[in-house]
Amino acid sequence: MGLLSGLSDLGLGKLEGAEIFEEEKKPEPKKEEQPKEEAVFDENDVLFDKSAECPVCGKKFTYRAVRTGKARPIGQDPDLRTKYEKFDPAKYDVVVCPYCGYAVLTKYFTSLPAAQVKLIRDGIGGKVHGVANNPILSYDDAIQRYQLALASSIVKHAKDSEKAFVCLKMAWVIRGKKESLLEDAPDYDDMMAQLRDDENEALKAAYEGFVSARQKESFPIAGMDEITIDYLLAVLSARFEKYDVAQKMIAGILLNRTANNRIKDRARDLKEQVLMEMKAKGEFS
């Protein structure tokens, strides 16, 4: 007699011989997932053509600009240069009019007083030629544009802060080129030495300009408040071994009640770095 015998009398004869417990089916082995191929980065995907009107010659043109939120920050250098993943937005931070040659950082791309318009027209208008206008800018293209922006700022007698900011960002772009240089590049050592010299020259000019601006201009300076400017000057002072200036700036930041903890922590780290460098040079015992 089976446990299910007699079901036929109830109209379920087909179930009299049924297995009570089904044999567990072994799961089929999972197929190994192939790692997804990372999409190839295309700089065009983070750029777009932006319309503009030149404040000097009045002609309309387009320039390449970075889409908001498309550049992903991954860190920051001591001198406030933000580093981004796979991309350097600083390459695209200069607007150059293709007609008259006026060049300026996007931060300062606004209308100009008549006196400055005349200075640009007389000193630059119609004289610029051979400017690269590629959809994707190389570091060399970008450096050339920063040189034009610096030339325009000199000709129009811009504030020291504007000229200093151009030099600072030029140094960042030169550093970007230095970081992108492959070790198997021809004349690698010579190129690196030249780039280091160029970066230092730009940073020294930035330092001098911001020192002057801090004495003559009202805050914010180049969009930075007093604490940020003082931190930047402390970093650049330390870089060029002006340790007394660096220590003075650092002390001011640490004693400032309005300075946030983040910049105070960075100032303390810089203080330790300065003391170590001074000890190494025998300037501190």
C-alpha atoms as a PDB file:
ATOM      1  CA  MET A   1       0.000   0.000   0.000  1.00  0.00           C
ATOM      2  CA  GLY A   2       1.304   3.316  -0.928  1.00  0.00           C
ATOM      3  CA  LEU A   3       0.700   6.629   0.725  1.00  0.00           C
ATOM      4  CA  LEU A   4      -1.225   7.754  -2.293  1.00  0.00           C
ATOM      5  CA  SER A   5      -3.057   4.505  -3.069  1.00  0.00           C
ATOM      6  CA  GLY A   6      -6.794   4.916  -3.331  1.00  0.00           C
ATOM      7  CA  LEU A   7      -6.596   8.291  -5.026  1.00  0.00           C
ATOM      8  CA  SER A   8      -8.074   6.637  -8.111  1.00  0.00           C
ATOM      9  CA  ASP A   9     -11.321   6.253  -6.188  1.00  0.00           C
ATOM     10  CA  LEU A  10     -11.243  10.039  -5.801  1.00  0.00           C
ATOM     11  CA  GLY A  11     -10.603  10.666  -9.468  1.00  0.00           C
ATOM     12  CA  LEU A  12      -6.849  11.280  -9.073  1.00  0.00           C
ATOM     13  CA  GLY A  13      -5.493   7.936 -10.242  1.00  0.00           C
ATOM     14  CA  LYS A  14      -2.644   9.600 -12.150  1.00  0.00           C
ATOM     15  CA  LEU A  15      -1.174  10.774  -8.874  1.00  0.00           C
ATOM     16  CA  GLU A  16      -1.072   7.400  -7.105  1.00  0.00           C
ATOM     17  CA  GLY A  17       2.530   6.785  -8.186  1.00  0.00           C
ATOM     18  CA  ALA A  18       3.736  10.376  -7.913  1.00  0.00           C
ATOM     19  CA  GLU A  19       7.030  11.133  -6.208  1.00  0.00           C
ATOM     20  CA  ILE A  20       6.359  12.961  -2.981  1.00  0.00           C
ATOM     21  CA  PHE A  21       9.624  14.893  -3.005  1.00  0.00           C
ATOM     22  CA  GLU A  22      11.012  16.211  -6.224  1.00  0.00           C
ATOM     23  CA  GLU A  23      14.656  15.597  -6.862  1.00  0.00           C
ATOM     24  CA  GLU A  24      16.475  18.898  -6.409  1.00  0.00           C
ATOM     25  CA  LYS A  25      17.716  20.205  -9.679  1.00  0.00           C
ATOM     26  CA  LYS A  26      21.297  21.291  -9.637  1.00  0.00           C
ATOM     27  CA  PRO A  27      21.634  24.874 -10.851  1.00  0.00           C
ATOM     28  CA  GLU A  28      23.400  25.304 -14.110  1.00  0.00           C
ATOM     29  CA  PRO A  29      26.886  26.689 -13.654  1.00  0.00           C
ATOM     30  CA  LYS A  30      26.936  30.458 -14.027  1.00  0.00           C
ATOM     31  CA  LYS A  31      28.655  31.803 -17.032  1.00  0.00           C
ATOM     32  CA  GLU A  32      31.623  33.880 -16.121  1.00  0.00           C
ATOM     33  CA  GLU A  33      30.827  37.513 -16.678  1.00  0.00           C
ATOM     34  CA  GLN A  34      33.192  39.133 -19.052  1.00  0.00           C
ATOM     35  CA  PRO A  35      34.586  42.424 -17.735  1.00  0.00           C
ATOM     36  CA  LYS A  36      32.917  45.345 -19.439  1.00  0.00           C
ATOM     37  CA  GLU A  37      35.176  47.233 -21.749  1.00  0.00           C
ATOM     38  CA  GLU A  38      35.690  50.780 -20.551  1.00  0.00           C
ATOM     39  CA  ALA A  39      34.343  53.269 -23.029  1.00  0.00           C
ATOM     40  CA  VAL A  40      37.030  55.163 -24.882  1.00  0.00           C
ATOM     41  CA  PHE A  41      37.136  58.749 -23.658  1.00  0.00           C
ATOM     42  CA  ASP A  42      36.346  61.312 -26.329  1.00  0.00           C
ATOM     43  CA  GLU A  43      37.126  64.920 -25.409  1.00  0.00           C
ATOM     44  CA  ASN A  44      34.429  66.063 -27.833  1.00  0.00           C
ATOM     45  CA  ASP A  45      31.820  64.580 -25.500  1.00  0.00           C
ATOM     46  CA  VAL A  46      32.598  67.126 -22.761  1.00  0.00           C
ATOM     47  CA  LEU A  47      32.804  70.142 -25.073  1.00  0.00           C
ATOM     48  CA  PHE A  48      30.305  72.235 -26.972  1.00  0.00           C
ATOM     49  CA  ASP A  49      30.348  75.267 -29.260  1.00  0.00           C
ATOM     50  CA  LYS A  50      29.392  78.427 -27.380  1.00  0.00           C
ATOM     51  CA  SER A  51      28.326  81.610 -29.149  1.00  0.00           C
ATOM     52  CA  ALA A  52      29.997  84.892 -28.296  1.00  0.00           C
ATOM     53  CA  GLU A  53      30.350  88.465 -29.436  1.00  0.00           C
ATOM     54  CA  CYS A  54      33.747  90.104 -29.276  1.00  0.00           C
ATOM     55  CA  PRO A  55      33.736  93.199 -27.024  1.00  0.00           C
ATOM     56  CA  VAL A  56      36.487  94.737 -29.172  1.00  0.00           C
ATOM     57  CA  CYS A  57      35.439  94.272 -32.797  1.00  0.00           C
ATOM     58  CA  GLY A  58      31.779  93.380 -32.221  1.00  0.00           C
ATOM     59  CA  LYS A  59      31.856  90.320 -34.477  1.00  0.00           C
ATOM     60  CA  LYS A  60      30.096  87.087 -33.498  1.00  0.00           C
ATOM     61  CA  PHE A  61      31.906  83.737 -33.312  1.00  0.00           C
ATOM     62  CA  THR A  62      31.855  80.436 -31.455  1.00  0.00           C
ATOM     63  CA  TYR A  63      34.441  78.907 -29.173  1.00  0.00           C
ATOM     64  CA  ARG A  64      34.850  75.529 -27.496  1.00  0.00           C
ATOM     65  CA  ALA A  65      33.629  75.422 -23.903  1.00  0.00           C
ATOM     66  CA  VAL A  66      33.384  72.689 -21.266  1.00  0.00           C
ATOM     67  CA  ARG A  67      29.953  71.267 -20.447  1.00  0.00           C
ATOM     68  CA  THR A  68      28.965  71.912 -16.844  1.00  0.00           C
ATOM     69  CA  GLY A  69      29.428  68.865 -14.625  1.00  0.00           C
ATOM     70  CA  LYS A  70      31.252  66.822 -17.264  1.00  0.00           C
ATOM     71  CA  ALA A  71      34.746  67.204 -15.794  1.00  0.00           C
ATOM     72  CA  ARG A  72      35.272  64.936 -12.756  1.00  0.00           C
ATOM     73  CA  PRO A  73      37.732  66.345 -10.177  1.00  0.00           C
ATOM     74  CA  ILE A  74      40.172  63.853  -8.640  1.00  0.00           C
ATOM     75  CA  GLY A  75      42.418  66.077  -6.523  1.00  0.00           C
ATOM     76  CA  GLN A  76      44.050  69.441  -6.058  1.00  0.00           C
ATOM     77  CA  ASP A  77      47.653  70.638  -6.162  1.00  0.00           C
ATOM     78  CA  PRO A  78      48.956  72.864  -3.340  1.00  0.00           C
ATOM     79  CA  ASP A  79      48.680  75.976  -5.551  1.00  0.00           C
ATOM     80  CA  LEU A  80      44.920  75.359  -5.997  1.00  0.00           C
ATOM     81  CA  ARG A  81      45.080  73.708  -9.419  1.00  0.00           C
ATOM     82  CA  THR A  82      42.234  71.191  -9.584  1.00  0.00           C
ATOM     83  CA  LYS A  83      43.080  67.953 -11.381  1.00  0.00           C
ATOM     84  CA  TYR A  84      40.457  66.104 -13.394  1.00  0.00           C
ATOM     85  CA  GLU A  85      39.992  62.561 -14.615  1.00  0.00           C
ATOM     86  CA  LYS A  86      41.119  62.062 -18.230  1.00  0.00           C
ATOM     87  CA  PHE A  87      40.688  65.710 -19.102  1.00  0.00           C
ATOM     88  CA  ASP A  88      42.109  69.173 -18.433  1.00  0.00           C
ATOM     89  CA  PRO A  89      39.416  71.892 -18.626  1.00  0.00           C
ATOM     90  CA  ALA A  90      42.050  74.620 -18.174  1.00  0.00           C
ATOM     91  CA  LYS A  91      43.021  74.103 -21.831  1.00  0.00           C
ATOM     92  CA  TYR A  92      39.708  75.678 -22.826  1.00  0.00           C
ATOM     93  CA  ASP A  93      39.644  78.628 -20.433  1.00  0.00           C
ATOM     94  CA  VAL A  94      40.827  81.263 -22.920  1.00  0.00           C
ATOM     95  CA  VAL A  95      38.499  82.862 -25.475  1.00  0.00           C
ATOM     96  CA  VAL A  96      40.197  84.129 -28.634  1.00  0.00           C
ATOM     97  CA  CYS A  97      38.369  86.261 -31.177  1.00  0.00           C
ATOM     98  CA  PRO A  98      39.243  84.818 -34.611  1.00  0.00           C
ATOM     99  CA  TYR A  99      38.754  88.238 -36.241  1.00  0.00           C
ATOM    100  CA  CYS A 100      40.697  90.785 -34.201  1.00  0.00           C
ATOM    101  CA  GLY A 101      42.816  88.477 -32.024  1.00  0.00           C
ATOM    102  CA  TYR A 102      41.587  89.712 -28.638  1.00  0.00           C
ATOM    103  CA  ALA A 103      42.143  86.944 -26.072  1.00  0.00           C
ATOM    104  CA  VAL A 104      40.934  86.736 -22.486  1.00  0.00           C
ATOM    105  CA  LEU A 105      40.154  84.240 -19.737  1.00  0.00           C
ATOM    106  CA  THR A 106      36.473  83.276 -19.672  1.00  0.00           C
ATOM    107  CA  LYS A 107      36.293  84.805 -16.160  1.00  0.00           C
ATOM    108  CA  TYR A 108      37.054  88.226 -17.665  1.00  0.00           C
ATOM    109  CA  PHE A 109      35.129  87.840 -20.931  1.00  0.00           C
ATOM    110  CA  THR A 110      32.826  90.841 -20.481  1.00  0.00           C
ATOM    111  CA  SER A 111      32.278  94.241 -22.024  1.00  0.00           C
ATOM    112  CA  LEU A 112      35.266  96.589 -21.963  1.00  0.00           C
ATOM    113  CA  PRO A 113      35.589 100.331 -21.338  1.00  0.00           C
ATOM    114  CA  ALA A 114      36.083 102.366 -24.499  1.00  0.00           C
ATOM    115  CA  ALA A 115      39.666 103.180 -23.490  1.00  0.00           C
ATOM    116  CA  GLN A 116      40.604  99.496 -23.295  1.00  0.00           C
ATOM    117  CA  VAL A 117      38.841  98.735 -26.585  1.00  0.00           C
ATOM    118  CA  LYS A 118      40.978 101.383 -28.265  1.00  0.00           C
ATOM    119  CA  LEU A 119      44.155  99.998 -26.685  1.00  0.00           C
ATOM    120  CA  ILE A 120      43.353  96.494 -27.940  1.00  0.00           C
ATOM    121  CA  ARG A 121      42.455  97.722 -31.432  1.00  0.00           C
ATOM    122  CA  ASP A 122      45.661  99.730 -31.678  1.00  0.00           C
ATOM    123  CA  GLY A 123      47.950  97.156 -30.095  1.00  0.00           C
ATOM    124  CA  ILE A 124      46.511  93.838 -31.251  1.00  0.00           C
ATOM    125  CA  GLY A 125      43.665  94.254 -33.750  1.00  0.00           C
ATOM    126  CA  GLY A 126      44.467  92.684 -37.116  1.00  0.00           C
ATOM    127  CA  LYS A 127      48.000  91.715 -36.109  1.00  0.00           C
ATOM    128  CA  VAL A 128      47.315  88.180 -34.787  1.00  0.00           C
ATOM    129  CA  HIS A 129      47.586  85.274 -37.209  1.00  0.00           C
ATOM    130  CA  GLY A 130      48.267  81.554 -37.147  1.00  0.00           C
ATOM    131  CA  VAL A 131      46.167  80.802 -34.042  1.00  0.00           C
ATOM    132  CA  ALA A 132      45.229  77.126 -33.876  1.00  0.00           C
ATOM    133  CA  ASN A 133      41.459  76.668 -34.022  1.00  0.00           C
ATOM    134  CA  ASN A 134      41.231  72.901 -33.653  1.00  0.00           C
ATOM    135  CA  PRO A 135      38.072  71.307 -32.178  1.00  0.00           C
ATOM    136  CA  ILE A 136      40.315  69.555 -29.643  1.00  0.00           C
ATOM    137  CA  LEU A 137      43.125  71.695 -28.248  1.00  0.00           C
ATOM    138  CA  SER A 138      46.555  70.246 -27.576  1.00  0.00           C
ATOM    139  CA  TYR A 139      48.569  71.574 -24.656  1.00  0.00           C
ATOM    140  CA  ASP A 140      50.674  73.558 -27.115  1.00  0.00           C
ATOM    141  CA  ASP A 141      47.505  75.101 -28.589  1.00  0.00           C
ATOM    142  CA  ALA A 142      46.319  76.014 -25.085  1.00  0.00           C
ATOM    143  CA  ILE A 143      49.657  77.526 -24.028  1.00  0.00           C
ATOM    144  CA  GLN A 144      49.635  79.673 -27.164  1.00  0.00           C
ATOM    145  CA  ARG A 145      46.175  80.953 -26.216  1.00  0.00           C
ATOM    146  CA  TYR A 146      47.320  81.813 -22.708  1.00  0.00           C
ATOM    147  CA  GLN A 147      50.206  83.765 -24.212  1.00  0.00           C
ATOM    148  CA  LEU A 148      47.694  85.734 -26.282  1.00  0.00           C
ATOM    149  CA  ALA A 149      45.537  86.344 -23.197  1.00  0.00           C
ATOM    150  CA  LEU A 150      48.566  87.631 -21.302  1.00  0.00           C
ATOM    151  CA  ALA A 151      49.499  89.872 -24.251  1.00  0.00           C
ATOM    152  CA  SER A 152      45.953  91.279 -24.371  1.00  0.00           C
ATOM    153  CA  SER A 153      45.943  91.900 -20.616  1.00  0.00           C
ATOM    154  CA  ILE A 154      49.228  93.799 -20.895  1.00  0.00           C
ATOM    155  CA  VAL A 155      48.059  95.884 -23.859  1.00  0.00           C
ATOM    156  CA  LYS A 156      44.739  96.874 -22.239  1.00  0.00           C
ATOM    157  CA  HIS A 157      46.458  97.669 -18.903  1.00  0.00           C
ATOM    158  CA  ALA A 158      44.419  95.096 -16.998  1.00  0.00           C
ATOM    159  CA  LYS A 159      44.528  94.878 -13.222  1.00  0.00           C
ATOM    160  CA  ASP A 160      47.516  93.080 -11.752  1.00  0.00           C
ATOM    161  CA  SER A 161      45.153  90.397 -10.442  1.00  0.00           C
ATOM    162  CA  GLU A 162      43.950  89.554 -13.961  1.00  0.00           C
ATOM    163  CA  LYS A 163      47.492  89.319 -15.317  1.00  0.00           C
ATOM    164  CA  ALA A 164      48.531  87.249 -12.293  1.00  0.00           C
ATOM    165  CA  PHE A 165      45.600  84.874 -12.762  1.00  0.00           C
ATOM    166  CA  VAL A 166      46.466  84.381 -16.438  1.00  0.00           C
ATOM    167  CA  CYS A 167      50.038  83.507 -15.427  1.00  0.00           C
ATOM    168  CA  LEU A 168      48.836  81.130 -12.708  1.00  0.00           C
ATOM    169  CA  LYS A 169      46.547  79.246 -15.058  1.00  0.00           C
ATOM    170  CA  MET A 170      49.231  79.194 -17.756  1.00  0.00           C
ATOM    171  CA  ALA A 171      51.524  77.509 -15.224  1.00  0.00           C
ATOM    172  CA  TRP A 172      48.803  74.917 -14.559  1.00  0.00           C
ATOM    173  CA  VAL A 173      48.483  74.159 -18.284  1.00  0.00           C
ATOM    174  CA  ILE A 174      52.256  73.869 -18.650  1.00  0.00           C
ATOM    175  CA  ARG A 175      52.204  71.442 -15.704  1.00  0.00           C
ATOM    176  CA  GLY A 176      49.459  69.478 -17.430  1.00  0.00           C
ATOM    177  CA  LYS A 177      51.650  69.141 -20.521  1.00  0.00           C
ATOM    178  CA  LYS A 178      54.564  68.095 -18.306  1.00  0.00           C
ATOM    179  CA  GLU A 179      52.427  65.381 -16.670  1.00  0.00           C
ATOM    180  CA  SER A 180      51.203  64.117 -20.043  1.00  0.00           C
ATOM    181  CA  LEU A 181      54.677  63.845 -21.556  1.00  0.00           C
ATOM    182  CA  LEU A 182      55.631  60.241 -22.272  1.00  0.00           C
ATOM    183  CA  GLU A 183      59.034  59.074 -21.111  1.00  0.00           C
ATOM    184  CA  ASP A 184      59.830  57.627 -24.530  1.00  0.00           C
ATOM    185  CA  ALA A 185      59.210  60.983 -26.211  1.00  0.00           C
ATOM    186  CA  PRO A 186      62.159  62.310 -28.230  1.00  0.00           C
ATOM    187  CA  ASP A 187      64.363  64.629 -26.151  1.00  0.00           C
ATOM    188  CA  TYR A 188      62.275  63.824 -23.048  1.00  0.00           C
ATOM    189  CA  ASP A 189      64.839  65.163 -20.555  1.00  0.00           C
ATOM    190  CA  ASP A 190      65.364  68.417 -22.443  1.00  0.00           C
ATOM    191  CA  MET A 191      61.626  68.943 -22.844  1.00  0.00           C
ATOM    192  CA  MET A 192      60.969  68.289 -19.148  1.00  0.00           C
ATOM    193  CA  ALA A 193      63.700  70.725 -18.137  1.00  0.00           C
ATOM    194  CA  GLN A 194      62.244  73.403 -20.423  1.00  0.00           C
ATOM    195  CA  LEU A 195      58.711  72.818 -19.134  1.00  0.00           C
ATOM    196  CA  ARG A 196      59.904  73.084 -15.532  1.00  0.00           C
ATOM    197  CA  ASP A 197      61.595  76.393 -16.343  1.00  0.00           C
ATOM    198  CA  ASP A 198      58.472  77.668 -18.144  1.00  0.00           C
ATOM    199  CA  GLU A 199      56.216  76.635 -15.264  1.00  0.00           C
ATOM    200  CA  ASN A 200      58.433  78.366 -12.719  1.00  0.00           C
ATOM    201  CA  GLU A 201      58.586  81.521 -14.826  1.00  0.00           C
ATOM    202  CA  ALA A 202      54.778  81.643 -15.017  1.00  0.00           C
ATOM    203  CA  LEU A 203      54.398  80.971 -11.278  1.00  0.00           C
ATOM    204  CA  LYS A 204      56.923  83.681 -10.377  1.00  0.00           C
ATOM    205  CA  ALA A 205      54.985  86.178 -12.492  1.00  0.00           C
ATOM    206  CA  ALA A 206      51.754  85.050 -10.815  1.00  0.00           C
ATOM    207  CA  TYR A 207      53.340  85.469  -7.391  1.00  0.00           C
ATOM    208  CA  GLU A 208      54.552  88.989  -8.149  1.00  0.00           C
ATOM    209  CA  GLY A 209      51.184  89.947  -9.604  1.00  0.00           C
ATOM    210  CA  PHE A 210      49.177  88.676  -6.642  1.00  0.00           C
ATOM    211  CA  VAL A 211      51.529  90.373  -4.151  1.00  0.00           C
ATOM    212  CA  SER A 212      50.949  93.652  -5.996  1.00  0.00           C
ATOM    213  CA  ALA A 213      47.196  93.060  -6.296  1.00  0.00           C
ATOM    214  CA  ARG A 214      46.895  92.304  -2.587  1.00  0.00           C
ATOM    215  CA  GLN A 215      48.425  95.702  -1.809  1.00  0.00           C
ATOM    216  CA  LYS A 216      46.381  97.719  -4.311  1.00  0.00           C
ATOM    217  CA  GLU A 217      43.085  95.932  -5.000  1.00  0.00           C
ATOM    218  CA  SER A 218      39.977  95.202  -2.964  1.00  0.00           C
ATOM    219  CA  PHE A 219      38.823  91.673  -2.191  1.00  0.00           C
ATOM    220  CA  PRO A 220      37.746  89.417  -3.754  1.00  0.00           C
ATOM    221  CA  ILE A 221      40.836  89.289  -5.952  1.00  0.00           C
ATOM    222  CA  ALA A 222      40.457  87.113  -9.076  1.00  0.00           C
ATOM    223  CA  GLY A 223      37.421  85.621  -7.344  1.00  0.00           C
ATOM    224  CA  MET A 224      39.405  84.685  -4.221  1.00  0.00           C
ATOM    225  CA  ASP A 225      38.939  85.979  -0.690  1.00  0.00           C
ATOM    226  CA  GLU A 226      41.769  87.216   1.518  1.00  0.00           C
ATOM    227  CA  ILE A 227      42.406  83.851   3.197  1.00  0.00           C
ATOM    228  CA  THR A 228      42.620  82.004  -0.125  1.00  0.00           C
ATOM    229  CA  ILE A 229      44.971  84.605  -1.597  1.00  0.00           C
ATOM    230  CA  ASP A 230      47.188  84.452   1.502  1.00  0.00           C
ATOM    231  CA  TYR A 231      47.305  80.648   1.307  1.00  0.00           C
ATOM    232  CA  LEU A 232      48.225  80.788  -2.386  1.00  0.00           C
ATOM    233  CA  LEU A 233      50.960  83.348  -1.662  1.00  0.00           C
ATOM    234  CA  ALA A 234      52.265  81.147   1.165  1.00  0.00           C
ATOM    235  CA  VAL A 235      52.488  78.173  -1.216  1.00  0.00           C
ATOM    236  CA  LEU A 236      54.263  80.169  -3.914  1.00  0.00           C
ATOM    237  CA  SER A 237      56.580  81.824  -1.368  1.00  0.00           C
ATOM    238  CA  ALA A 238      57.617  78.403  -0.101  1.00  0.00           C
ATOM    239  CA  ARG A 239      58.159  77.175  -3.664  1.00  0.00           C
ATOM    240  CA  PHE A 240      60.605  80.012  -4.316  1.00  0.00           C
ATOM    241  CA  GLU A 241      62.248  79.696  -0.887  1.00  0.00           C
ATOM    242  CA  LYS A 242      60.849  82.964   0.461  1.00  0.00           C
ATOM    243  CA  TYR A 243      60.350  81.243   3.789  1.00  0.00           C
ATOM    244  CA  ASP A 244      59.886  84.391   5.874  1.00  0.00           C
ATOM    245  CA  VAL A 245      56.947  85.460   3.696  1.00  0.00           C
ATOM    246  CA  ALA A 246      55.493  81.949   3.734  1.00  0.00           C
ATOM    247  CA  GLN A 247      55.649  81.758   7.529  1.00  0.00           C
ATOM    248  CA  LYS A 248      54.027  85.172   7.876  1.00  0.00           C
ATOM    249  CA  MET A 249      51.141  84.198   5.585  1.00  0.00           C
ATOM    250  CA  ILE A 250      50.675  80.840   7.314  1.00  0.00           C
ATOM    251  CA  ALA A 251      50.616  82.453  10.761  1.00  0.00           C
ATOM    252  CA  GLY A 252      47.954  84.899   9.584  1.00  0.00           C
ATOM    253  CA  ILE A 253      45.751  82.068   8.330  1.00  0.00           C
ATOM    254  CA  LEU A 254      46.100  80.015  11.517  1.00  0.00           C
ATOM    255  CA  LEU A 255      45.208  83.033  13.685  1.00  0.00           C
ATOM    256  CA  ASN A 256      42.272  84.085  11.519  1.00  0.00           C
ATOM    257  CA  ARG A 257      38.991  83.154  13.223  1.00  0.00           C
ATOM    258  CA  THR A 258      37.064  83.218   9.947  1.00  0.00           C
ATOM    259  CA  ALA A 259      39.344  80.681   8.226  1.00  0.00           C
ATOM    260  CA  ASN A 260      37.694  77.273   7.914  1.00  0.00           C
ATOM    261  CA  ASN A 261      39.258  74.086   9.274  1.00  0.00           C
ATOM    262  CA  ARG A 262      40.081  72.759   5.817  1.00  0.00           C
ATOM    263  CA  ILE A 263      42.351  75.641   4.846  1.00  0.00           C
ATOM    264  CA  LYS A 264      43.833  75.749   8.355  1.00  0.00           C
ATOM    265  CA  ASP A 265      44.751  72.066   8.041  1.00  0.00           C
ATOM    266  CA  ARG A 266      46.398  72.771   4.690  1.00  0.00           C
ATOM    267  CA  ALA A 267      48.240  75.721   6.231  1.00  0.00           C
ATOM    268  CA  ARG A 268      49.542  73.477   9.049  1.00  0.00           C
ATOM    269  CA  ASP A 269      50.762  70.929   6.493  1.00  0.00           C
ATOM    270  CA  LEU A 270      52.494  73.713   4.591  1.00  0.00           C
ATOM    271  CA  LYS A 271      54.046  74.976   7.824  1.00  0.00           C
ATOM    272  CA  GLU A 272      55.567  71.543   8.462  1.00  0.00           C
ATOM    273  CA  GLN A 273      56.863  71.406   4.894  1.00  0.00           C
ATOM    274  CA  VAL A 274      58.463  74.840   5.229  1.00  0.00           C
ATOM    275  CA  LEU A 275      60.149  73.912   8.514  1.00  0.00           C
ATOM    276  CA  MET A 276      61.512  70.695   6.988  1.00  0.00           C
ATOM    277  CA  GLU A 277      62.894  72.570   3.978  1.00  0.00           C
ATOM    278  CA  MET A 278      64.470  75.210   6.199  1.00  0.00           C
ATOM    279  CA  LYS A 279      66.139  72.526   8.349  1.00  0.00           C
ATOM    280  CA  ALA A 280      67.431  70.770   5.237  1.00  0.00           C
ATOM    281  CA  LYS A 281      68.990  74.041   4.048  1.00  0.00           C
ATOM    282  CA  GLY A 282      70.408  74.833   7.479  1.00  0.00           C
ATOM    283  CA  GLU A 283      68.179  77.882   7.897  1.00  0.00           C
ATOM    284  CA  PHE A 284      66.404  76.538  10.989  1.00  0.00           C
ATOM    285  CA  SER A 285      67.803  74.652  13.958  1.00  0.00           C
END
